Protein backbone atom coordinates (compact mmCIF):
# COMPACT_ATOMS: atom_id res chain seq x y z
CA ILE A 1 47.73 34.09 -5.89
CA MET A 2 47.27 33.70 -2.15
CA ASP A 3 43.97 35.61 -2.33
CA LYS A 4 42.70 33.26 -5.01
CA PHE A 5 43.94 30.23 -3.11
CA GLY A 6 42.28 31.45 0.09
CA PHE A 7 39.00 32.04 -1.75
CA LEU A 8 39.08 28.56 -3.28
CA LEU A 9 39.85 26.99 0.10
CA ILE A 10 36.95 28.80 1.78
CA PHE A 11 34.62 27.86 -1.10
CA PHE A 12 35.66 24.20 -0.87
CA ILE A 13 35.05 24.08 2.91
CA VAL A 14 31.64 25.75 2.64
CA PHE A 15 30.62 23.55 -0.29
CA SER A 16 31.75 20.35 1.47
CA SER A 17 29.90 21.13 4.69
CA SER A 18 26.72 22.11 2.86
CA ALA A 19 26.86 18.97 0.71
CA GLN A 20 26.85 16.79 3.85
CA GLU A 21 23.75 18.47 5.29
CA ILE A 22 21.10 16.95 3.06
CA PRO A 23 17.64 18.28 3.95
CA PHE A 24 15.27 15.36 4.49
CA GLU A 25 11.54 15.93 4.79
CA ARG A 26 10.26 15.22 8.29
CA ILE A 27 7.72 12.56 9.19
CA ASP A 28 5.74 12.79 12.43
CA LEU A 29 5.62 9.62 14.54
CA LYS A 30 2.42 8.69 16.34
CA VAL A 31 2.39 6.27 19.27
CA LEU A 32 -0.52 3.88 18.70
CA SER A 33 -0.15 1.65 21.77
CA GLY A 34 -0.71 2.88 25.31
CA GLN A 35 0.96 5.98 26.70
CA SER A 36 3.42 7.80 24.48
CA GLU A 37 6.10 8.08 27.17
CA LYS A 38 5.86 4.65 28.86
CA VAL A 39 5.76 1.01 27.76
CA ALA A 40 5.98 -2.18 29.83
CA LYS A 41 8.94 -4.51 29.33
CA TYR A 42 8.31 -7.12 26.59
CA SER A 43 5.04 -5.38 25.67
CA LYS A 44 4.12 -4.18 22.19
CA PHE A 45 5.18 -0.64 21.41
CA GLU A 46 3.59 0.43 18.13
CA LEU A 47 4.39 3.52 16.08
CA GLY A 48 2.77 4.79 12.92
CA PHE A 49 3.06 7.71 10.58
CA ALA A 50 1.20 9.21 7.67
CA LEU A 51 2.73 9.09 4.22
CA PRO A 52 3.91 12.46 2.86
CA ALA A 53 1.63 13.68 0.07
CA ASP A 54 3.94 12.88 -2.84
CA LEU A 55 4.78 9.41 -1.49
CA LYS A 56 1.11 8.68 -0.74
CA LYS A 57 0.23 9.51 -4.34
CA ALA A 58 2.93 7.15 -5.64
CA VAL A 59 1.71 4.35 -3.35
CA ASP A 60 -1.94 4.92 -4.33
CA ASP A 61 -0.92 4.84 -7.99
CA TYR A 62 0.59 1.41 -7.46
CA LEU A 63 -2.34 0.02 -5.47
CA HIS A 64 -4.95 1.20 -8.00
CA SER A 65 -3.06 0.59 -11.23
CA PRO A 66 -3.76 -2.45 -13.49
CA ARG A 67 -2.64 -5.72 -11.95
CA PHE A 68 0.02 -6.61 -14.51
CA ASN A 69 1.00 -3.06 -15.43
CA ARG A 70 1.80 -1.42 -12.11
CA SER A 71 3.16 2.11 -11.73
CA GLY A 72 4.16 4.15 -8.70
CA ILE A 73 5.72 2.79 -5.49
CA ASN A 74 5.06 -0.72 -4.17
CA PRO A 75 4.77 -0.34 -0.35
CA PHE A 76 5.21 -4.06 0.24
CA VAL A 77 8.80 -4.45 -1.04
CA SER A 78 11.88 -2.87 0.53
CA TRP A 79 13.55 -2.00 -2.77
CA ASP A 80 10.67 0.40 -3.45
CA LEU A 81 9.84 1.56 0.08
CA ASP A 82 12.23 0.82 2.94
CA VAL A 83 11.31 1.95 6.46
CA THR A 84 13.83 1.40 9.28
CA ALA A 85 13.40 2.36 12.93
CA THR A 86 16.54 2.43 15.07
CA PHE A 87 15.85 1.80 18.77
CA SER A 88 18.68 2.61 21.19
CA HIS A 89 18.85 1.83 24.93
CA ARG A 90 20.67 4.67 26.63
CA THR A 91 22.16 2.74 29.57
CA THR A 92 23.44 -0.42 27.87
CA GLY A 93 23.97 0.94 24.37
CA ILE A 94 21.87 -1.89 22.88
CA VAL A 95 20.65 -1.01 19.38
CA HIS A 96 17.85 -2.70 17.43
CA ALA A 97 17.03 -1.94 13.80
CA VAL A 98 13.36 -2.74 13.15
CA ASP A 99 11.67 -2.82 9.75
CA GLY A 100 8.46 -0.91 9.25
CA PHE A 101 5.59 -2.30 7.18
CA TYR A 102 2.61 -1.08 5.20
CA TYR A 103 -0.65 -1.61 7.08
CA ARG A 104 -4.25 -1.66 5.93
CA GLU A 105 -7.17 -1.69 8.36
CA MET A 106 -9.78 -4.08 6.97
CA LYS A 107 -13.35 -4.71 8.14
CA ARG A 108 -15.40 -7.71 7.14
CA ASN A 109 -18.62 -7.04 5.22
CA ILE A 110 -20.78 -10.07 5.98
CA GLN A 111 -23.68 -8.99 3.77
CA GLY A 112 -21.48 -8.37 0.75
CA ASN A 113 -19.15 -11.32 1.50
CA ASN A 114 -16.06 -9.13 1.07
CA TRP A 115 -13.69 -6.82 2.94
CA ILE A 116 -13.84 -3.04 3.36
CA ASP A 117 -10.64 -0.96 3.49
CA GLU A 118 -11.04 1.52 6.35
CA ASN A 119 -8.14 3.74 5.17
CA SER A 120 -5.96 4.15 8.25
CA ASP A 121 -4.44 7.59 8.88
CA TYR A 122 -1.17 5.86 9.77
CA PRO A 123 -0.54 3.22 7.09
CA ILE A 124 3.13 2.71 7.97
CA ARG A 125 3.60 0.79 11.22
CA ILE A 126 6.56 -0.19 13.39
CA ARG A 127 6.26 -2.69 16.24
CA PHE A 128 8.83 -3.28 18.96
CA ALA A 129 8.94 -5.08 22.33
CA PRO A 130 11.70 -3.58 24.53
CA SER A 131 13.79 -6.09 26.47
CA GLN A 132 15.41 -3.61 28.87
CA THR A 133 13.92 -1.21 31.38
CA GLY A 134 14.93 2.44 31.32
CA ASN A 135 15.11 5.11 28.65
CA TRP A 136 15.01 4.36 24.92
CA THR A 137 15.23 6.52 21.83
CA VAL A 138 13.90 5.77 18.36
CA LYS A 139 14.45 7.43 15.00
CA VAL A 140 12.86 6.42 11.70
CA GLU A 141 14.38 6.73 8.23
CA VAL A 142 12.57 6.15 4.94
CA LYS A 143 14.22 5.23 1.65
CA VAL A 144 12.42 5.37 -1.68
CA LYS A 145 13.97 3.16 -4.35
CA GLY A 146 17.18 2.93 -2.32
CA GLU A 147 17.58 6.66 -1.68
CA LYS A 148 16.91 8.25 1.71
CA LYS A 149 14.08 10.76 1.43
CA TYR A 150 12.44 11.18 4.85
CA GLU A 151 13.32 10.96 8.53
CA SER A 152 11.70 11.56 11.91
CA GLU A 153 12.75 13.47 14.96
CA VAL A 154 14.23 11.40 17.80
CA LEU A 155 11.44 10.08 20.03
CA THR A 156 12.17 9.17 23.67
CA PHE A 157 10.20 6.71 25.79
CA THR A 158 10.66 4.82 29.05
CA THR A 159 10.29 1.09 29.64
CA THR A 160 8.99 -0.05 33.01
CA ASP A 161 9.31 -3.51 34.54
CA SER A 162 6.60 -6.14 33.99
CA ASP A 163 5.85 -9.77 34.79
CA LYS A 164 6.12 -10.86 31.14
CA LYS A 165 8.62 -13.69 30.66
CA GLY A 166 10.22 -12.49 27.45
CA PHE A 167 10.88 -13.93 24.04
CA VAL A 168 10.87 -17.60 23.09
CA GLU A 169 14.29 -18.56 21.70
CA VAL A 170 16.11 -21.68 20.57
CA HIS A 171 18.09 -23.27 23.41
CA GLU A 172 21.87 -23.50 23.12
CA ASN A 173 21.66 -27.29 22.65
CA GLY A 174 19.56 -26.80 19.52
CA ARG A 175 16.95 -29.29 20.72
CA TYR A 176 14.64 -27.30 22.94
CA LEU A 177 13.24 -23.81 23.30
CA LYS A 178 13.78 -21.41 26.17
CA ARG A 179 12.11 -18.32 27.57
CA GLY A 180 13.40 -16.12 30.34
CA GLY A 181 16.48 -18.36 30.64
CA LYS A 182 14.37 -21.46 31.37
CA VAL A 183 14.01 -24.49 29.13
CA ILE A 184 10.63 -25.16 27.52
CA VAL A 185 10.13 -28.89 27.04
CA PRO A 186 7.60 -29.63 24.29
CA THR A 187 4.72 -31.85 25.33
CA GLY A 188 1.74 -33.25 23.51
CA ASN A 189 1.02 -35.65 20.70
CA ASN A 190 4.05 -36.24 18.48
CA ILE A 191 2.85 -39.56 17.03
CA PRO A 192 1.37 -39.49 13.51
CA PHE A 193 -2.27 -40.34 13.13
CA PRO A 194 -3.29 -43.55 11.38
CA TYR A 195 -3.50 -42.93 7.65
CA VAL A 196 -4.15 -44.58 4.29
CA ASN A 197 -2.02 -44.51 1.14
CA ASN A 198 -3.26 -41.08 0.08
CA ASN A 199 -2.28 -39.66 3.52
CA LEU A 200 -5.88 -39.14 4.56
CA PHE A 201 -6.86 -39.77 8.18
CA TYR A 202 -9.83 -41.83 7.01
CA SER A 203 -10.57 -44.39 4.32
CA LYS A 204 -12.96 -43.87 1.42
CA LYS A 205 -13.04 -47.59 0.70
CA LYS A 206 -15.17 -49.95 2.73
CA HIS A 207 -12.53 -52.63 3.31
CA GLU A 208 -9.37 -50.52 3.35
CA THR A 209 -7.40 -50.57 6.60
CA LEU A 210 -5.46 -47.70 8.11
CA ASN A 211 -1.70 -47.77 8.54
CA VAL A 212 -0.98 -47.94 12.28
CA ASP A 213 2.70 -48.95 12.16
CA ALA A 214 3.81 -45.77 13.92
CA TRP A 215 1.43 -46.49 16.78
CA ALA A 216 2.51 -50.11 17.08
CA VAL A 217 6.20 -49.17 17.22
CA SER A 218 5.55 -46.37 19.69
CA TYR A 219 3.61 -48.59 22.07
CA THR A 220 6.33 -51.25 21.83
CA HIS A 221 9.08 -48.85 22.88
CA LEU A 222 7.19 -46.62 25.32
CA THR A 223 6.16 -47.34 28.87
CA LEU A 224 2.74 -45.81 29.40
CA PRO A 225 1.62 -44.58 32.82
CA THR A 226 -0.87 -46.69 34.72
CA ILE A 227 -4.31 -45.16 34.98
CA CYS A 228 -6.08 -46.02 38.22
CA SER A 229 -9.61 -45.36 39.27
CA VAL A 230 -10.62 -44.75 42.83
């Protein structure tokens, strides 16, 4: 009985460990922006990879199938093809999950008045702008119809300092924007143009007048700077 029990226990352990190690087909990442090992802070870091043969066939089937009777894999929706890149900053532990997207390189054909698909070798792209200097790692996982099928090796790169000011974000007061910790105050024309009843900026009728109420109210309540000539 003990021999049978021991055999079953060993079988269960081996089966459990092997069931957790699911072999995923590898995808090879290609750095498409600048040097593969360095990227400037807040600069675009772009990765791409080629579709595995079976997945490429499924995507091509979708793209070339009848418009209202599609088959294959739709590369533009995440429930068919979901690409996620996980970027990790080694020093701070910051983690960013970035979605990949399907990319097509198009060239304008002026003579034919259409567009030519140039068939990129790396149709799946990932773009990221690192906010911290130092060492980063990135790993990509691909799900097909909700099931993980492919993954990449871990890629390491280094972010160097730059004079870029960073991302534009909404200020804490909810009224303004900020970048690099400094408030951005919007300037420019925020007064509506004169318009007619059909919201056009001009009148099609000879004697129709434009609505200038917004301008009249604005000039009544605003103090305009004095313009002097020398």
